[in-house]
């Protein structure tokens, strides 16, 4: 068993918010940490077999925009139909051109490194998800399942 533990709560289900939990978890596991991620509410999207993650520029003022759009393009303009798809495509292209692993690849690294991934059972029930919608190896449990691990963790992150 690892000497150090890291506990992560993943609550967001967009492409840009999918990177932090998987990067941090896979890195910590590579460094010998025992790692668990608790996926709740929209974070459960990150465990689905079929990922359809998008970037949401609306309400994300810190997001750097291409062609300095953040300087001249009104924030309200990001709500124009089709902007989310355009921004998602641009983000994926940028990540690929910089050699950043895909979410599927990072998630696979976490699986290979025995990162424990817990899907929030209450959220599964709330949104009427089926366990068959999720990748292999996901465990389902409530907050108490996660807190049993997080209570002894050296690092606990809420993402």
C-alpha atoms as a PDB file:
ATOM      1  CA  UNK A   1       0.000   0.000   0.000  1.00  0.00           C
ATOM      2  CA  UNK A   2       1.197   3.507  -0.807  1.00  0.00           C
ATOM      3  CA  UNK A   3       2.517   5.768   1.921  1.00  0.00           C
ATOM      4  CA  UNK A   4       0.687   8.827   0.594  1.00  0.00           C
ATOM      5  CA  UNK A   5      -2.932   9.219  -0.444  1.00  0.00           C
ATOM      6  CA  UNK A   6      -4.651  11.692  -2.740  1.00  0.00           C
ATOM      7  CA  UNK A   7      -8.421  12.150  -2.862  1.00  0.00           C
ATOM      8  CA  UNK A   8     -10.102  14.110  -5.670  1.00  0.00           C
ATOM      9  CA  UNK A   9     -13.724  15.147  -6.075  1.00  0.00           C
ATOM     10  CA  UNK A  10     -14.614  15.733  -9.752  1.00  0.00           C
ATOM     11  CA  UNK A  11     -17.802  17.747 -10.202  1.00  0.00           C
ATOM     12  CA  UNK A  12     -17.591  19.171 -13.708  1.00  0.00           C
ATOM     13  CA  UNK A  13     -18.318  17.454 -17.009  1.00  0.00           C
ATOM     14  CA  UNK A  14     -16.842  19.751 -19.654  1.00  0.00           C
ATOM     15  CA  UNK A  15     -13.754  19.062 -21.754  1.00  0.00           C
ATOM     16  CA  UNK A  16     -11.631  21.735 -20.075  1.00  0.00           C
ATOM     17  CA  UNK A  17     -12.594  20.565 -16.569  1.00  0.00           C
ATOM     18  CA  UNK A  18     -11.935  16.911 -17.438  1.00  0.00           C
ATOM     19  CA  UNK A  19      -8.175  17.407 -17.610  1.00  0.00           C
ATOM     20  CA  UNK A  20      -7.322  18.393 -13.998  1.00  0.00           C
ATOM     21  CA  UNK A  21      -8.624  15.293 -12.167  1.00  0.00           C
ATOM     22  CA  UNK A  22      -7.101  12.836 -14.644  1.00  0.00           C
ATOM     23  CA  UNK A  23      -3.750  14.641 -14.949  1.00  0.00           C
ATOM     24  CA  UNK A  24      -3.394  15.030 -11.186  1.00  0.00           C
ATOM     25  CA  UNK A  25      -4.530  11.467 -10.461  1.00  0.00           C
ATOM     26  CA  UNK A  26      -2.290   9.811 -13.060  1.00  0.00           C
ATOM     27  CA  UNK A  27       0.705  11.893 -11.967  1.00  0.00           C
ATOM     28  CA  UNK A  28       0.142  11.144  -8.275  1.00  0.00           C
ATOM     29  CA  UNK A  29      -0.280   7.429  -9.035  1.00  0.00           C
ATOM     30  CA  UNK A  30       2.973   7.469 -11.030  1.00  0.00           C
ATOM     31  CA  UNK A  31       4.653   9.002  -7.969  1.00  0.00           C
ATOM     32  CA  UNK A  32       3.380   6.164  -5.803  1.00  0.00           C
ATOM     33  CA  UNK A  33       0.290   7.736  -4.257  1.00  0.00           C
ATOM     34  CA  UNK A  34      -2.832   5.729  -3.571  1.00  0.00           C
ATOM     35  CA  UNK A  35      -5.460   7.754  -5.485  1.00  0.00           C
ATOM     36  CA  UNK A  36      -9.256   7.867  -5.505  1.00  0.00           C
ATOM     37  CA  UNK A  37     -11.506  10.122  -7.560  1.00  0.00           C
ATOM     38  CA  UNK A  38     -15.132  10.636  -6.576  1.00  0.00           C
ATOM     39  CA  UNK A  39     -17.202  11.667  -9.611  1.00  0.00           C
ATOM     40  CA  UNK A  40     -20.411  13.432  -8.664  1.00  0.00           C
ATOM     41  CA  UNK A  41     -23.101  15.387 -10.479  1.00  0.00           C
ATOM     42  CA  UNK A  42     -21.793  16.544 -13.869  1.00  0.00           C
ATOM     43  CA  UNK A  43     -18.411  14.948 -13.202  1.00  0.00           C
ATOM     44  CA  UNK A  44     -20.045  11.578 -13.895  1.00  0.00           C
ATOM     45  CA  UNK A  45     -19.900  12.478 -17.601  1.00  0.00           C
ATOM     46  CA  UNK A  46     -16.155  11.787 -17.419  1.00  0.00           C
ATOM     47  CA  UNK A  47     -16.789   8.105 -16.697  1.00  0.00           C
ATOM     48  CA  UNK A  48     -19.130   7.401 -19.571  1.00  0.00           C
ATOM     49  CA  UNK A  49     -18.057   4.931 -22.250  1.00  0.00           C
ATOM     50  CA  UNK A  50     -19.051   7.403 -24.963  1.00  0.00           C
ATOM     51  CA  UNK A  51     -17.508  10.750 -24.173  1.00  0.00           C
ATOM     52  CA  UNK A  52     -19.128  13.780 -25.745  1.00  0.00           C
ATOM     53  CA  UNK A  53     -17.353  16.492 -23.791  1.00  0.00           C
ATOM     54  CA  UNK A  54     -17.561  20.099 -24.895  1.00  0.00           C
ATOM     55  CA  UNK A  55     -15.924  23.353 -23.864  1.00  0.00           C
ATOM     56  CA  UNK A  56     -18.280  25.947 -22.462  1.00  0.00           C
ATOM     57  CA  UNK A  57     -16.801  29.412 -23.014  1.00  0.00           C
ATOM     58  CA  UNK A  58     -19.909  31.032 -21.546  1.00  0.00           C
ATOM     59  CA  UNK A  59     -19.288  32.015 -17.947  1.00  0.00           C
ATOM     60  CA  UNK A  60     -15.585  31.191 -18.213  1.00  0.00           C
ATOM     61  CA  UNK A  61     -13.918  34.627 -18.318  1.00  0.00           C
ATOM     62  CA  UNK A  62     -10.439  33.223 -17.725  1.00  0.00           C
ATOM     63  CA  UNK A  63     -10.513  31.164 -20.914  1.00  0.00           C
ATOM     64  CA  UNK A  64      -8.016  32.492 -23.473  1.00  0.00           C
ATOM     65  CA  UNK A  65      -9.828  32.970 -26.749  1.00  0.00           C
ATOM     66  CA  UNK A  66      -8.308  32.452 -30.199  1.00  0.00           C
ATOM     67  CA  UNK A  67      -7.463  35.535 -32.256  1.00  0.00           C
ATOM     68  CA  UNK A  68      -7.687  37.638 -29.061  1.00  0.00           C
ATOM     69  CA  UNK A  69     -11.470  37.273 -29.239  1.00  0.00           C
ATOM     70  CA  UNK A  70     -11.650  37.907 -25.496  1.00  0.00           C
ATOM     71  CA  UNK A  71     -10.552  41.505 -26.236  1.00  0.00           C
ATOM     72  CA  UNK A  72     -13.085  42.334 -28.954  1.00  0.00           C
ATOM     73  CA  UNK A  73     -15.782  39.637 -28.974  1.00  0.00           C
ATOM     74  CA  UNK A  74     -18.579  40.232 -26.452  1.00  0.00           C
ATOM     75  CA  UNK A  75     -19.041  37.574 -23.768  1.00  0.00           C
ATOM     76  CA  UNK A  76     -22.667  37.297 -24.812  1.00  0.00           C
ATOM     77  CA  UNK A  77     -21.430  36.250 -28.251  1.00  0.00           C
ATOM     78  CA  UNK A  78     -20.236  32.956 -26.798  1.00  0.00           C
ATOM     79  CA  UNK A  79     -23.922  32.040 -26.382  1.00  0.00           C
ATOM     80  CA  UNK A  80     -24.495  32.177 -30.145  1.00  0.00           C
ATOM     81  CA  UNK A  81     -25.666  28.763 -31.412  1.00  0.00           C
ATOM     82  CA  UNK A  82     -22.729  26.724 -32.645  1.00  0.00           C
ATOM     83  CA  UNK A  83     -20.071  28.589 -30.621  1.00  0.00           C
ATOM     84  CA  UNK A  84     -19.723  25.742 -28.125  1.00  0.00           C
ATOM     85  CA  UNK A  85     -18.994  23.276 -30.960  1.00  0.00           C
ATOM     86  CA  UNK A  86     -16.527  25.655 -32.590  1.00  0.00           C
ATOM     87  CA  UNK A  87     -14.715  26.290 -29.298  1.00  0.00           C
ATOM     88  CA  UNK A  88     -14.625  22.550 -28.542  1.00  0.00           C
ATOM     89  CA  UNK A  89     -13.119  21.777 -31.942  1.00  0.00           C
ATOM     90  CA  UNK A  90     -10.535  24.526 -31.510  1.00  0.00           C
ATOM     91  CA  UNK A  91      -9.605  23.322 -28.008  1.00  0.00           C
ATOM     92  CA  UNK A  92      -9.182  19.719 -29.192  1.00  0.00           C
ATOM     93  CA  UNK A  93      -6.993  20.863 -32.096  1.00  0.00           C
ATOM     94  CA  UNK A  94      -4.878  23.012 -29.767  1.00  0.00           C
ATOM     95  CA  UNK A  95      -4.406  20.140 -27.307  1.00  0.00           C
ATOM     96  CA  UNK A  96      -3.446  17.739 -30.092  1.00  0.00           C
ATOM     97  CA  UNK A  97      -0.995  20.216 -31.678  1.00  0.00           C
ATOM     98  CA  UNK A  98       0.723  20.654 -28.293  1.00  0.00           C
ATOM     99  CA  UNK A  99       0.969  16.903 -27.700  1.00  0.00           C
ATOM    100  CA  UNK A 100      -1.472  16.842 -24.787  1.00  0.00           C
ATOM    101  CA  UNK A 101      -3.036  13.435 -24.229  1.00  0.00           C
ATOM    102  CA  UNK A 102      -6.757  13.043 -24.853  1.00  0.00           C
ATOM    103  CA  UNK A 103      -9.192  12.532 -21.989  1.00  0.00           C
ATOM    104  CA  UNK A 104      -9.597   8.904 -23.057  1.00  0.00           C
ATOM    105  CA  UNK A 105      -5.825   8.402 -22.897  1.00  0.00           C
ATOM    106  CA  UNK A 106      -5.504  10.077 -19.497  1.00  0.00           C
ATOM    107  CA  UNK A 107      -8.452   8.111 -18.154  1.00  0.00           C
ATOM    108  CA  UNK A 108      -6.807   4.917 -19.447  1.00  0.00           C
ATOM    109  CA  UNK A 109      -3.557   5.832 -17.668  1.00  0.00           C
ATOM    110  CA  UNK A 110      -5.529   6.213 -14.449  1.00  0.00           C
ATOM    111  CA  UNK A 111      -7.107   2.786 -14.946  1.00  0.00           C
ATOM    112  CA  UNK A 112      -3.705   1.204 -15.621  1.00  0.00           C
ATOM    113  CA  UNK A 113      -2.303   2.858 -12.481  1.00  0.00           C
ATOM    114  CA  UNK A 114      -5.145   1.463 -10.335  1.00  0.00           C
ATOM    115  CA  UNK A 115      -6.661   4.852  -9.564  1.00  0.00           C
ATOM    116  CA  UNK A 116      -9.955   4.016  -7.881  1.00  0.00           C
ATOM    117  CA  UNK A 117     -12.840   5.771  -9.635  1.00  0.00           C
ATOM    118  CA  UNK A 118     -16.063   6.041  -7.687  1.00  0.00           C
ATOM    119  CA  UNK A 119     -19.298   7.139  -9.343  1.00  0.00           C
ATOM    120  CA  UNK A 120     -21.717   8.838  -6.977  1.00  0.00           C
ATOM    121  CA  UNK A 121     -24.646   6.442  -6.592  1.00  0.00           C
ATOM    122  CA  UNK A 122     -27.020   9.240  -5.591  1.00  0.00           C
ATOM    123  CA  UNK A 123     -26.222  11.135  -8.798  1.00  0.00           C
ATOM    124  CA  UNK A 124     -26.581   7.966 -10.892  1.00  0.00           C
ATOM    125  CA  UNK A 125     -30.042   7.492  -9.382  1.00  0.00           C
ATOM    126  CA  UNK A 126     -30.946  11.181  -9.674  1.00  0.00           C
ATOM    127  CA  UNK A 127     -30.180  11.385 -13.394  1.00  0.00           C
ATOM    128  CA  UNK A 128     -31.365   7.812 -14.058  1.00  0.00           C
ATOM    129  CA  UNK A 129     -28.074   6.633 -15.518  1.00  0.00           C
ATOM    130  CA  UNK A 130     -27.507   2.936 -16.107  1.00  0.00           C
ATOM    131  CA  UNK A 131     -24.293   1.315 -14.824  1.00  0.00           C
ATOM    132  CA  UNK A 132     -23.775  -0.061 -18.362  1.00  0.00           C
ATOM    133  CA  UNK A 133     -23.203   3.532 -19.600  1.00  0.00           C
ATOM    134  CA  UNK A 134     -19.942   3.728 -17.666  1.00  0.00           C
ATOM    135  CA  UNK A 135     -16.451   2.371 -18.321  1.00  0.00           C
ATOM    136  CA  UNK A 136     -15.272  -0.874 -16.755  1.00  0.00           C
ATOM    137  CA  UNK A 137     -13.894  -0.733 -13.248  1.00  0.00           C
ATOM    138  CA  UNK A 138     -16.043   2.104 -11.918  1.00  0.00           C
ATOM    139  CA  UNK A 139     -17.289   1.490  -8.404  1.00  0.00           C
ATOM    140  CA  UNK A 140     -20.489   3.106  -7.219  1.00  0.00           C
ATOM    141  CA  UNK A 141     -20.956   4.496  -3.751  1.00  0.00           C
ATOM    142  CA  UNK A 142     -22.062   7.453  -1.738  1.00  0.00           C
ATOM    143  CA  UNK A 143     -20.250  10.265  -0.036  1.00  0.00           C
ATOM    144  CA  UNK A 144     -19.459   8.047   2.943  1.00  0.00           C
ATOM    145  CA  UNK A 145     -17.583   5.637   0.645  1.00  0.00           C
ATOM    146  CA  UNK A 146     -15.371   8.461  -0.555  1.00  0.00           C
ATOM    147  CA  UNK A 147     -14.991  10.128   2.854  1.00  0.00           C
ATOM    148  CA  UNK A 148     -13.650   6.920   4.378  1.00  0.00           C
ATOM    149  CA  UNK A 149     -10.661   7.293   2.042  1.00  0.00           C
ATOM    150  CA  UNK A 150     -10.487  11.097   1.963  1.00  0.00           C
ATOM    151  CA  UNK A 151     -10.418  11.309   5.767  1.00  0.00           C
ATOM    152  CA  UNK A 152      -6.986   9.676   5.777  1.00  0.00           C
ATOM    153  CA  UNK A 153      -5.651  11.402   2.657  1.00  0.00           C
ATOM    154  CA  UNK A 154      -2.583  13.592   2.566  1.00  0.00           C
ATOM    155  CA  UNK A 155      -4.066  15.689  -0.249  1.00  0.00           C
ATOM    156  CA  UNK A 156      -7.761  16.283  -0.967  1.00  0.00           C
ATOM    157  CA  UNK A 157      -8.796  18.322  -4.004  1.00  0.00           C
ATOM    158  CA  UNK A 158     -12.195  19.592  -5.144  1.00  0.00           C
ATOM    159  CA  UNK A 159     -12.302  20.147  -8.897  1.00  0.00           C
END
